[in-house]
Amino acid sequence: MCRNILGAALLVIAAAGPAAAQTSPPATAVTPEGLDRGLVNLGLMAGHAYQCLPEGERPAAQQAVLAFNSILVAQMGANAAFRFSSSFGAGSSHDVDRSFCERSLVDWRKLLQDHNLNR
């Protein structure tokens, strides 16, 4: 189980954004603060991507978010799932900057593929 948690933590941090990786040296250890920041960034990105989706694709996206949140609960606990879902809510409730939609949608589709959520 410990391996699953660490693997999921590293995935969340890696998916949190390539821009952060370009400005910071590579992390040598996963920290609770880094994990929290990664979950927040991932949730915000997913919320932004949700707004960028055509209206017809949004119900499936909602189901994928719920499925991913279930994975977080199972592998990392309710606090991690809450951090992601509340960030998703924040990301999906603000006006969207359409200039970032392409990147958000690429990241969103990678999340779906990596966690087999696109079924």
N, C-alpha and C. Protein backbone atom coordinates (compact mmCIF):
# COMPACT_ATOMS: atom_id res chain seq x y z
N MET A 1 0.82 -1.19 0.00
CA MET A 1 0.00 0.00 0.00
C MET A 1 0.87 1.25 0.00
N CYS A 2 1.96 1.24 0.73
CA CYS A 2 2.85 2.40 0.81
C CYS A 2 3.36 2.76 -0.58
N ARG A 3 3.65 1.76 -1.39
CA ARG A 3 4.12 2.01 -2.75
C ARG A 3 3.05 2.71 -3.58
N ASN A 4 1.78 2.29 -3.41
CA ASN A 4 0.68 2.93 -4.12
C ASN A 4 0.55 4.39 -3.74
N ILE A 5 0.66 4.70 -2.47
CA ILE A 5 0.55 6.07 -2.01
C ILE A 5 1.68 6.92 -2.57
N LEU A 6 2.90 6.41 -2.49
CA LEU A 6 4.04 7.17 -3.00
C LEU A 6 3.93 7.36 -4.50
N GLY A 7 3.52 6.31 -5.21
CA GLY A 7 3.38 6.42 -6.65
C GLY A 7 2.31 7.44 -7.03
N ALA A 8 1.19 7.41 -6.32
CA ALA A 8 0.14 8.38 -6.60
C ALA A 8 0.60 9.79 -6.26
N ALA A 9 1.34 9.93 -5.16
CA ALA A 9 1.84 11.25 -4.77
C ALA A 9 2.78 11.80 -5.82
N LEU A 10 3.67 10.98 -6.31
CA LEU A 10 4.60 11.44 -7.34
C LEU A 10 3.86 11.79 -8.62
N LEU A 11 2.84 11.02 -8.95
CA LEU A 11 2.06 11.31 -10.15
C LEU A 11 1.35 12.65 -10.02
N VAL A 12 0.75 12.88 -8.86
CA VAL A 12 0.03 14.14 -8.66
C VAL A 12 0.99 15.32 -8.75
N ILE A 13 2.15 15.20 -8.14
CA ILE A 13 3.11 16.29 -8.17
C ILE A 13 3.63 16.50 -9.59
N ALA A 14 3.88 15.41 -10.30
CA ALA A 14 4.37 15.53 -11.68
C ALA A 14 3.32 16.16 -12.58
N ALA A 15 2.06 15.83 -12.34
CA ALA A 15 0.99 16.37 -13.17
C ALA A 15 0.61 17.78 -12.79
N ALA A 16 1.17 18.28 -11.69
CA ALA A 16 0.76 19.60 -11.19
C ALA A 16 1.15 20.72 -12.12
N GLY A 17 2.08 20.51 -12.98
CA GLY A 17 2.37 21.56 -13.95
C GLY A 17 3.81 21.60 -14.35
N PRO A 18 4.06 21.52 -15.63
CA PRO A 18 5.43 21.57 -16.12
C PRO A 18 6.07 22.93 -15.91
N ALA A 19 5.27 23.99 -15.80
CA ALA A 19 5.86 25.32 -15.59
C ALA A 19 6.59 25.38 -14.26
N ALA A 20 6.01 24.79 -13.23
CA ALA A 20 6.66 24.79 -11.93
C ALA A 20 7.96 24.01 -11.97
N ALA A 21 7.97 22.93 -12.73
CA ALA A 21 9.18 22.11 -12.83
C ALA A 21 10.30 22.86 -13.54
N GLN A 22 9.96 23.76 -14.44
CA GLN A 22 10.98 24.49 -15.17
C GLN A 22 11.66 25.54 -14.31
N THR A 23 10.97 26.04 -13.29
CA THR A 23 11.53 27.10 -12.48
C THR A 23 12.13 26.61 -11.17
N SER A 24 11.84 25.38 -10.79
CA SER A 24 12.32 24.83 -9.53
C SER A 24 13.24 23.65 -9.79
N PRO A 25 14.24 23.46 -8.91
CA PRO A 25 15.05 22.26 -9.07
C PRO A 25 14.22 21.03 -8.77
N PRO A 26 14.59 19.88 -9.30
CA PRO A 26 13.81 18.67 -9.06
C PRO A 26 13.77 18.33 -7.57
N ALA A 27 12.61 17.91 -7.13
CA ALA A 27 12.45 17.54 -5.72
C ALA A 27 13.11 16.19 -5.48
N THR A 28 13.72 16.04 -4.31
CA THR A 28 14.35 14.78 -3.97
C THR A 28 13.45 13.93 -3.09
N ALA A 29 12.48 14.54 -2.44
CA ALA A 29 11.57 13.80 -1.58
C ALA A 29 10.19 14.42 -1.66
N VAL A 30 9.18 13.59 -1.49
CA VAL A 30 7.81 14.08 -1.45
C VAL A 30 7.55 14.61 -0.06
N THR A 31 7.07 15.84 0.01
CA THR A 31 6.72 16.43 1.30
C THR A 31 5.22 16.62 1.37
N PRO A 32 4.65 16.68 2.57
CA PRO A 32 3.21 16.93 2.67
C PRO A 32 2.80 18.25 2.01
N GLU A 33 3.64 19.26 2.14
CA GLU A 33 3.33 20.56 1.53
C GLU A 33 3.35 20.46 0.01
N GLY A 34 4.33 19.74 -0.53
CA GLY A 34 4.40 19.56 -1.98
C GLY A 34 3.23 18.76 -2.50
N LEU A 35 2.83 17.75 -1.75
CA LEU A 35 1.69 16.95 -2.14
C LEU A 35 0.41 17.78 -2.13
N ASP A 36 0.23 18.57 -1.08
CA ASP A 36 -0.95 19.45 -1.02
C ASP A 36 -0.97 20.42 -2.18
N ARG A 37 0.16 21.02 -2.47
CA ARG A 37 0.25 21.97 -3.58
C ARG A 37 -0.05 21.27 -4.91
N GLY A 38 0.46 20.05 -5.07
CA GLY A 38 0.20 19.28 -6.29
C GLY A 38 -1.27 18.95 -6.45
N LEU A 39 -1.94 18.56 -5.36
CA LEU A 39 -3.37 18.25 -5.43
C LEU A 39 -4.19 19.49 -5.77
N VAL A 40 -3.81 20.62 -5.18
CA VAL A 40 -4.50 21.88 -5.47
C VAL A 40 -4.33 22.24 -6.95
N ASN A 41 -3.09 22.18 -7.43
CA ASN A 41 -2.82 22.52 -8.83
C ASN A 41 -3.55 21.58 -9.78
N LEU A 42 -3.57 20.30 -9.45
CA LEU A 42 -4.25 19.33 -10.29
C LEU A 42 -5.76 19.59 -10.32
N GLY A 43 -6.33 19.89 -9.17
CA GLY A 43 -7.76 20.21 -9.10
C GLY A 43 -8.11 21.47 -9.88
N LEU A 44 -7.28 22.50 -9.74
CA LEU A 44 -7.52 23.74 -10.48
C LEU A 44 -7.44 23.50 -11.99
N MET A 45 -6.43 22.72 -12.41
CA MET A 45 -6.27 22.41 -13.84
C MET A 45 -7.49 21.64 -14.34
N ALA A 46 -7.95 20.65 -13.57
CA ALA A 46 -9.09 19.86 -13.99
C ALA A 46 -10.35 20.72 -14.08
N GLY A 47 -10.52 21.63 -13.13
CA GLY A 47 -11.66 22.54 -13.17
C GLY A 47 -11.61 23.46 -14.37
N HIS A 48 -10.43 23.95 -14.68
CA HIS A 48 -10.26 24.81 -15.86
C HIS A 48 -10.56 24.02 -17.12
N ALA A 49 -10.03 22.81 -17.21
CA ALA A 49 -10.28 21.96 -18.39
C ALA A 49 -11.77 21.66 -18.53
N TYR A 50 -12.44 21.44 -17.41
CA TYR A 50 -13.88 21.16 -17.45
C TYR A 50 -14.62 22.31 -18.12
N GLN A 51 -14.25 23.53 -17.80
CA GLN A 51 -14.90 24.70 -18.41
C GLN A 51 -14.57 24.82 -19.90
N CYS A 52 -13.42 24.31 -20.29
CA CYS A 52 -13.01 24.38 -21.69
C CYS A 52 -13.69 23.32 -22.56
N LEU A 53 -14.24 22.31 -21.93
CA LEU A 53 -14.89 21.23 -22.68
C LEU A 53 -16.19 21.71 -23.31
N PRO A 54 -16.53 21.14 -24.46
CA PRO A 54 -17.86 21.41 -25.02
C PRO A 54 -18.93 20.90 -24.05
N GLU A 55 -20.06 21.54 -24.05
CA GLU A 55 -21.14 21.22 -23.11
C GLU A 55 -21.50 19.73 -23.11
N GLY A 56 -21.48 19.11 -24.27
CA GLY A 56 -21.84 17.69 -24.37
C GLY A 56 -20.86 16.74 -23.70
N GLU A 57 -19.62 17.16 -23.50
CA GLU A 57 -18.61 16.31 -22.86
C GLU A 57 -18.55 16.48 -21.34
N ARG A 58 -19.25 17.45 -20.82
CA ARG A 58 -19.14 17.74 -19.39
C ARG A 58 -19.71 16.64 -18.47
N PRO A 59 -20.84 16.00 -18.80
CA PRO A 59 -21.32 14.94 -17.91
C PRO A 59 -20.30 13.80 -17.75
N ALA A 60 -19.65 13.40 -18.83
CA ALA A 60 -18.62 12.35 -18.73
C ALA A 60 -17.44 12.84 -17.92
N ALA A 61 -17.10 14.11 -18.05
CA ALA A 61 -16.00 14.68 -17.27
C ALA A 61 -16.33 14.67 -15.78
N GLN A 62 -17.57 14.97 -15.45
CA GLN A 62 -17.98 14.93 -14.04
C GLN A 62 -17.83 13.52 -13.48
N GLN A 63 -18.19 12.53 -14.26
CA GLN A 63 -18.04 11.14 -13.82
C GLN A 63 -16.57 10.78 -13.64
N ALA A 64 -15.71 11.26 -14.53
CA ALA A 64 -14.28 10.99 -14.41
C ALA A 64 -13.70 11.65 -13.17
N VAL A 65 -14.14 12.86 -12.86
CA VAL A 65 -13.67 13.55 -11.65
C VAL A 65 -14.07 12.76 -10.41
N LEU A 66 -15.30 12.27 -10.39
CA LEU A 66 -15.75 11.47 -9.25
C LEU A 66 -14.94 10.17 -9.13
N ALA A 67 -14.65 9.55 -10.26
CA ALA A 67 -13.85 8.31 -10.24
C ALA A 67 -12.44 8.59 -9.73
N PHE A 68 -11.83 9.69 -10.20
CA PHE A 68 -10.48 10.04 -9.74
C PHE A 68 -10.51 10.36 -8.25
N ASN A 69 -11.54 11.03 -7.80
CA ASN A 69 -11.65 11.35 -6.39
C ASN A 69 -11.76 10.07 -5.56
N SER A 70 -12.44 9.07 -6.08
CA SER A 70 -12.54 7.77 -5.39
C SER A 70 -11.18 7.11 -5.27
N ILE A 71 -10.36 7.24 -6.33
CA ILE A 71 -9.00 6.70 -6.28
C ILE A 71 -8.21 7.40 -5.18
N LEU A 72 -8.35 8.72 -5.11
CA LEU A 72 -7.64 9.47 -4.08
C LEU A 72 -8.07 9.03 -2.69
N VAL A 73 -9.38 8.86 -2.47
CA VAL A 73 -9.87 8.41 -1.16
C VAL A 73 -9.25 7.06 -0.82
N ALA A 74 -9.27 6.14 -1.77
CA ALA A 74 -8.78 4.79 -1.52
C ALA A 74 -7.27 4.75 -1.26
N GLN A 75 -6.50 5.54 -2.00
CA GLN A 75 -5.05 5.43 -1.90
C GLN A 75 -4.41 6.47 -1.00
N MET A 76 -5.05 7.62 -0.85
CA MET A 76 -4.39 8.70 -0.12
C MET A 76 -5.23 9.27 1.02
N GLY A 77 -6.50 8.89 1.09
CA GLY A 77 -7.35 9.34 2.18
C GLY A 77 -8.28 10.48 1.81
N ALA A 78 -9.21 10.72 2.71
CA ALA A 78 -10.25 11.72 2.48
C ALA A 78 -9.70 13.14 2.40
N ASN A 79 -8.67 13.45 3.17
CA ASN A 79 -8.12 14.81 3.12
C ASN A 79 -7.56 15.13 1.73
N ALA A 80 -6.86 14.18 1.13
CA ALA A 80 -6.31 14.40 -0.21
C ALA A 80 -7.45 14.56 -1.22
N ALA A 81 -8.46 13.71 -1.11
CA ALA A 81 -9.60 13.79 -2.02
C ALA A 81 -10.33 15.12 -1.86
N PHE A 82 -10.46 15.58 -0.63
CA PHE A 82 -11.11 16.87 -0.39
C PHE A 82 -10.29 18.00 -0.99
N ARG A 83 -8.98 17.95 -0.83
CA ARG A 83 -8.12 18.99 -1.38
C ARG A 83 -8.29 19.07 -2.90
N PHE A 84 -8.29 17.91 -3.56
CA PHE A 84 -8.48 17.89 -5.02
C PHE A 84 -9.86 18.40 -5.40
N SER A 85 -10.91 17.86 -4.76
CA SER A 85 -12.27 18.20 -5.19
C SER A 85 -12.62 19.66 -4.91
N SER A 86 -12.14 20.19 -3.80
CA SER A 86 -12.43 21.60 -3.53
C SER A 86 -11.68 22.49 -4.52
N SER A 87 -10.49 22.09 -4.91
CA SER A 87 -9.73 22.85 -5.92
C SER A 87 -10.40 22.74 -7.29
N PHE A 88 -10.94 21.56 -7.59
CA PHE A 88 -11.69 21.40 -8.83
C PHE A 88 -12.88 22.36 -8.84
N GLY A 89 -13.59 22.42 -7.72
CA GLY A 89 -14.73 23.34 -7.62
C GLY A 89 -14.32 24.78 -7.84
N ALA A 90 -13.20 25.16 -7.25
CA ALA A 90 -12.70 26.53 -7.44
C ALA A 90 -12.32 26.77 -8.89
N GLY A 91 -11.65 25.80 -9.50
CA GLY A 91 -11.22 25.94 -10.89
C GLY A 91 -12.37 25.97 -11.88
N SER A 92 -13.46 25.31 -11.53
CA SER A 92 -14.58 25.26 -12.45
C SER A 92 -15.61 26.36 -12.19
N SER A 93 -15.36 27.21 -11.20
CA SER A 93 -16.34 28.25 -10.88
C SER A 93 -15.86 29.66 -11.24
N HIS A 94 -14.64 29.78 -11.70
CA HIS A 94 -14.11 31.09 -12.09
C HIS A 94 -14.18 31.25 -13.61
N ASP A 95 -14.16 32.50 -14.03
CA ASP A 95 -14.11 32.74 -15.48
C ASP A 95 -12.87 32.09 -16.05
N VAL A 96 -13.04 31.44 -17.18
CA VAL A 96 -11.96 30.69 -17.80
C VAL A 96 -11.15 31.59 -18.75
N ASP A 97 -9.84 31.42 -18.70
CA ASP A 97 -8.95 32.10 -19.64
C ASP A 97 -8.76 31.14 -20.81
N ARG A 98 -9.43 31.40 -21.90
CA ARG A 98 -9.44 30.50 -23.06
C ARG A 98 -8.06 30.31 -23.68
N SER A 99 -7.14 31.20 -23.40
CA SER A 99 -5.80 31.04 -24.00
C SER A 99 -5.06 29.84 -23.40
N PHE A 100 -5.52 29.34 -22.26
CA PHE A 100 -4.88 28.18 -21.63
C PHE A 100 -5.69 26.90 -21.82
N CYS A 101 -6.78 26.97 -22.56
CA CYS A 101 -7.64 25.79 -22.72
C CYS A 101 -6.92 24.62 -23.37
N GLU A 102 -6.15 24.88 -24.41
CA GLU A 102 -5.48 23.78 -25.10
C GLU A 102 -4.59 23.00 -24.14
N ARG A 103 -3.80 23.70 -23.35
CA ARG A 103 -2.89 23.04 -22.40
C ARG A 103 -3.68 22.29 -21.32
N SER A 104 -4.72 22.93 -20.79
CA SER A 104 -5.53 22.28 -19.76
C SER A 104 -6.19 21.01 -20.28
N LEU A 105 -6.67 21.06 -21.51
CA LEU A 105 -7.31 19.87 -22.09
C LEU A 105 -6.31 18.75 -22.34
N VAL A 106 -5.10 19.08 -22.74
CA VAL A 106 -4.05 18.07 -22.90
C VAL A 106 -3.76 17.42 -21.55
N ASP A 107 -3.59 18.23 -20.51
CA ASP A 107 -3.33 17.70 -19.17
C ASP A 107 -4.49 16.87 -18.67
N TRP A 108 -5.72 17.33 -18.91
CA TRP A 108 -6.92 16.61 -18.50
C TRP A 108 -6.98 15.24 -19.16
N ARG A 109 -6.74 15.20 -20.46
CA ARG A 109 -6.81 13.92 -21.18
C ARG A 109 -5.71 12.96 -20.73
N LYS A 110 -4.56 13.50 -20.35
CA LYS A 110 -3.49 12.66 -19.81
C LYS A 110 -3.91 12.07 -18.47
N LEU A 111 -4.54 12.87 -17.63
CA LEU A 111 -5.04 12.37 -16.35
C LEU A 111 -6.04 11.24 -16.58
N LEU A 112 -6.94 11.42 -17.53
CA LEU A 112 -7.93 10.38 -17.84
C LEU A 112 -7.24 9.10 -18.30
N GLN A 113 -6.28 9.25 -19.18
CA GLN A 113 -5.58 8.08 -19.72
C GLN A 113 -4.74 7.39 -18.64
N ASP A 114 -3.99 8.15 -17.87
CA ASP A 114 -3.11 7.58 -16.86
C ASP A 114 -3.86 6.79 -15.80
N HIS A 115 -5.12 7.17 -15.53
CA HIS A 115 -5.88 6.50 -14.49
C HIS A 115 -7.05 5.69 -15.04
N ASN A 116 -7.00 5.45 -16.36
CA ASN A 116 -8.03 4.63 -17.02
C ASN A 116 -9.43 5.12 -16.70
N LEU A 117 -9.60 6.46 -16.75
CA LEU A 117 -10.89 7.06 -16.43
C LEU A 117 -11.71 7.38 -17.67
N ASN A 118 -11.15 7.12 -18.84
CA ASN A 118 -11.83 7.47 -20.09
C ASN A 118 -12.59 6.29 -20.67
N ARG A 119 -13.23 5.53 -19.83
CA ARG A 119 -14.01 4.38 -20.31
C ARG A 119 -15.45 4.77 -20.51
